[in-house]
């Protein structure tokens, strides 16, 4: 897996089209005395494409370790699986991934309290990622 460095975060967010994507799997594992969270998402990847090309669907695996904070809560009538939006940030030495971000005013920058107010967020010191192409017949997604 590739380690995401703090300076690469903005490019990472631009590269992947999270809106309209799907959550495929969320899993926790305990290894070497640390808790790690693995997200498997189906998103769109625009890496290496011109502005005229349609981003291609891929499976994006994100692993956060060691997991230090999380909230995974399902409220009545809320949808599961389809991503309305995703917010990623780096605050106080941790990567935050929010799969259900609250709306912000135009020009407002997400703070720590915005991530922690979400029903579905994760935070860890390190973020690793990997892309797997999806077969054109859709069987892998």
Protein backbone atom coordinates (compact mmCIF):
# COMPACT_ATOMS: atom_id res chain seq x y z
CA UNK A 1 0.00 0.00 0.00
CA UNK A 2 1.06 3.60 -0.58
CA UNK A 3 1.50 5.89 2.40
CA UNK A 4 -0.23 9.26 2.05
CA UNK A 5 1.94 12.14 3.24
CA UNK A 6 0.28 15.32 4.57
CA UNK A 7 1.44 17.39 1.57
CA UNK A 8 -0.27 14.95 -0.83
CA UNK A 9 -3.71 15.22 0.76
CA UNK A 10 -5.17 17.93 -1.53
CA UNK A 11 -4.08 16.08 -4.69
CA UNK A 12 -5.48 12.82 -3.33
CA UNK A 13 -8.89 14.43 -2.75
CA UNK A 14 -8.87 15.96 -6.26
CA UNK A 15 -7.86 12.67 -7.89
CA UNK A 16 -10.73 10.58 -6.56
CA UNK A 17 -14.39 11.35 -7.21
CA UNK A 18 -15.91 10.28 -3.91
CA UNK A 19 -19.38 11.82 -4.44
CA UNK A 20 -21.76 9.13 -5.66
CA UNK A 21 -19.27 6.40 -4.81
CA UNK A 22 -20.11 3.37 -2.70
CA UNK A 23 -18.89 1.95 0.57
CA UNK A 24 -18.09 -1.70 -0.14
CA UNK A 25 -16.63 -2.79 3.18
CA UNK A 26 -15.48 -1.45 6.55
CA UNK A 27 -13.30 -3.74 8.63
CA UNK A 28 -11.24 -3.52 11.82
CA UNK A 29 -8.22 -5.61 12.66
CA UNK A 30 -5.82 -5.81 15.54
CA UNK A 31 -2.16 -6.39 14.66
CA UNK A 32 1.11 -5.68 16.42
CA UNK A 33 -0.72 -4.11 19.34
CA UNK A 34 -2.49 -1.57 17.12
CA UNK A 35 -6.00 -1.24 15.79
CA UNK A 36 -6.32 -0.62 12.05
CA UNK A 37 -9.41 0.27 10.03
CA UNK A 38 -9.75 -0.66 6.37
CA UNK A 39 -12.28 1.00 4.05
CA UNK A 40 -13.04 -0.40 0.63
CA UNK A 41 -14.76 2.17 -1.55
CA UNK A 42 -15.90 2.22 -5.15
CA UNK A 43 -15.01 5.66 -6.52
CA UNK A 44 -13.88 7.34 -9.74
CA UNK A 45 -10.18 7.86 -10.51
CA UNK A 46 -9.07 10.71 -12.76
CA UNK A 47 -5.32 9.95 -12.51
CA UNK A 48 -3.55 10.34 -15.88
CA UNK A 49 -6.70 11.44 -17.72
CA UNK A 50 -7.30 14.63 -19.65
CA UNK A 51 -10.11 16.96 -18.64
CA UNK A 52 -12.21 15.55 -21.50
CA UNK A 53 -11.93 11.93 -20.37
CA UNK A 54 -14.46 10.36 -18.03
CA UNK A 55 -12.91 9.21 -14.73
CA UNK A 56 -12.82 5.42 -14.52
CA UNK A 57 -14.41 3.41 -11.70
CA UNK A 58 -11.92 1.79 -9.31
CA UNK A 59 -11.86 0.11 -5.94
CA UNK A 60 -10.00 2.35 -3.49
CA UNK A 61 -8.78 0.75 -0.28
CA UNK A 62 -7.89 3.14 2.52
CA UNK A 63 -6.24 1.86 5.67
CA UNK A 64 -5.93 4.03 8.77
CA UNK A 65 -3.47 2.95 11.45
CA UNK A 66 -3.15 3.10 14.31
CA UNK A 67 -6.83 3.97 14.62
CA UNK A 68 -7.21 6.55 17.37
CA UNK A 69 -10.79 7.79 16.99
CA UNK A 70 -13.93 6.68 15.22
CA UNK A 71 -17.68 6.98 15.13
CA UNK A 72 -19.81 4.70 13.02
CA UNK A 73 -23.45 5.38 13.73
CA UNK A 74 -26.58 4.65 11.68
CA UNK A 75 -29.49 7.00 12.29
CA UNK A 76 -33.08 6.13 11.36
CA UNK A 77 -33.95 7.00 7.74
CA UNK A 78 -30.31 7.66 6.80
CA UNK A 79 -28.96 5.96 3.68
CA UNK A 80 -26.16 3.43 3.90
CA UNK A 81 -23.60 2.76 1.21
CA UNK A 82 -23.90 5.67 -1.24
CA UNK A 83 -21.48 8.53 -0.56
CA UNK A 84 -23.02 12.00 -0.67
CA UNK A 85 -19.63 13.54 0.06
CA UNK A 86 -16.34 12.68 1.72
CA UNK A 87 -14.10 15.03 3.66
CA UNK A 88 -10.45 14.30 4.40
CA UNK A 89 -8.25 16.41 6.59
CA UNK A 90 -5.06 16.47 8.61
CA UNK A 91 -5.47 18.02 12.06
CA UNK A 92 -3.35 17.77 15.21
CA UNK A 93 -1.09 15.10 13.68
CA UNK A 94 -3.95 12.83 12.57
CA UNK A 95 -5.62 12.04 9.27
CA UNK A 96 -9.41 12.34 9.47
CA UNK A 97 -11.76 10.63 7.02
CA UNK A 98 -15.40 11.69 7.21
CA UNK A 99 -17.88 9.67 5.14
CA UNK A 100 -20.89 11.74 6.23
CA UNK A 101 -19.65 15.34 6.49
CA UNK A 102 -21.80 18.18 7.73
CA UNK A 103 -22.32 21.07 5.33
CA UNK A 104 -20.08 24.08 5.69
CA UNK A 105 -20.68 27.66 4.62
CA UNK A 106 -18.93 28.85 1.46
CA UNK A 107 -15.24 29.44 2.20
CA UNK A 108 -15.44 27.79 5.63
CA UNK A 109 -12.64 25.32 6.44
CA UNK A 110 -13.47 22.15 8.38
CA UNK A 111 -12.16 22.09 11.92
CA UNK A 112 -11.69 19.29 14.39
CA UNK A 113 -15.20 19.79 15.76
CA UNK A 114 -16.69 19.35 12.26
CA UNK A 115 -15.12 15.90 11.88
CA UNK A 116 -16.06 14.82 15.41
CA UNK A 117 -19.69 15.91 14.89
CA UNK A 118 -20.08 13.44 12.01
CA UNK A 119 -21.92 10.12 12.34
CA UNK A 120 -19.24 8.35 10.32
CA UNK A 121 -15.63 9.45 10.80
CA UNK A 122 -12.28 7.83 11.49
CA UNK A 123 -8.94 9.27 12.63
CA UNK A 124 -5.43 7.81 12.72
CA UNK A 125 -1.81 8.91 12.59
CA UNK A 126 -1.16 7.26 9.21
CA UNK A 127 -3.22 6.74 6.06
CA UNK A 128 -2.35 4.14 3.43
CA UNK A 129 -4.14 3.59 0.13
CA UNK A 130 -4.27 1.29 -2.86
CA UNK A 131 -6.21 1.31 -6.14
CA UNK A 132 -7.57 -1.80 -7.83
CA UNK A 133 -9.07 -1.45 -11.33
CA UNK A 134 -12.61 -2.71 -11.78
CA UNK A 135 -13.28 -5.08 -14.66
CA UNK A 136 -15.21 -3.47 -17.53
CA UNK A 137 -18.07 -5.99 -17.10
CA UNK A 138 -18.54 -4.68 -13.54
CA UNK A 139 -18.08 -8.05 -11.86
CA UNK A 140 -15.25 -6.87 -9.57
CA UNK A 141 -17.07 -3.88 -8.09
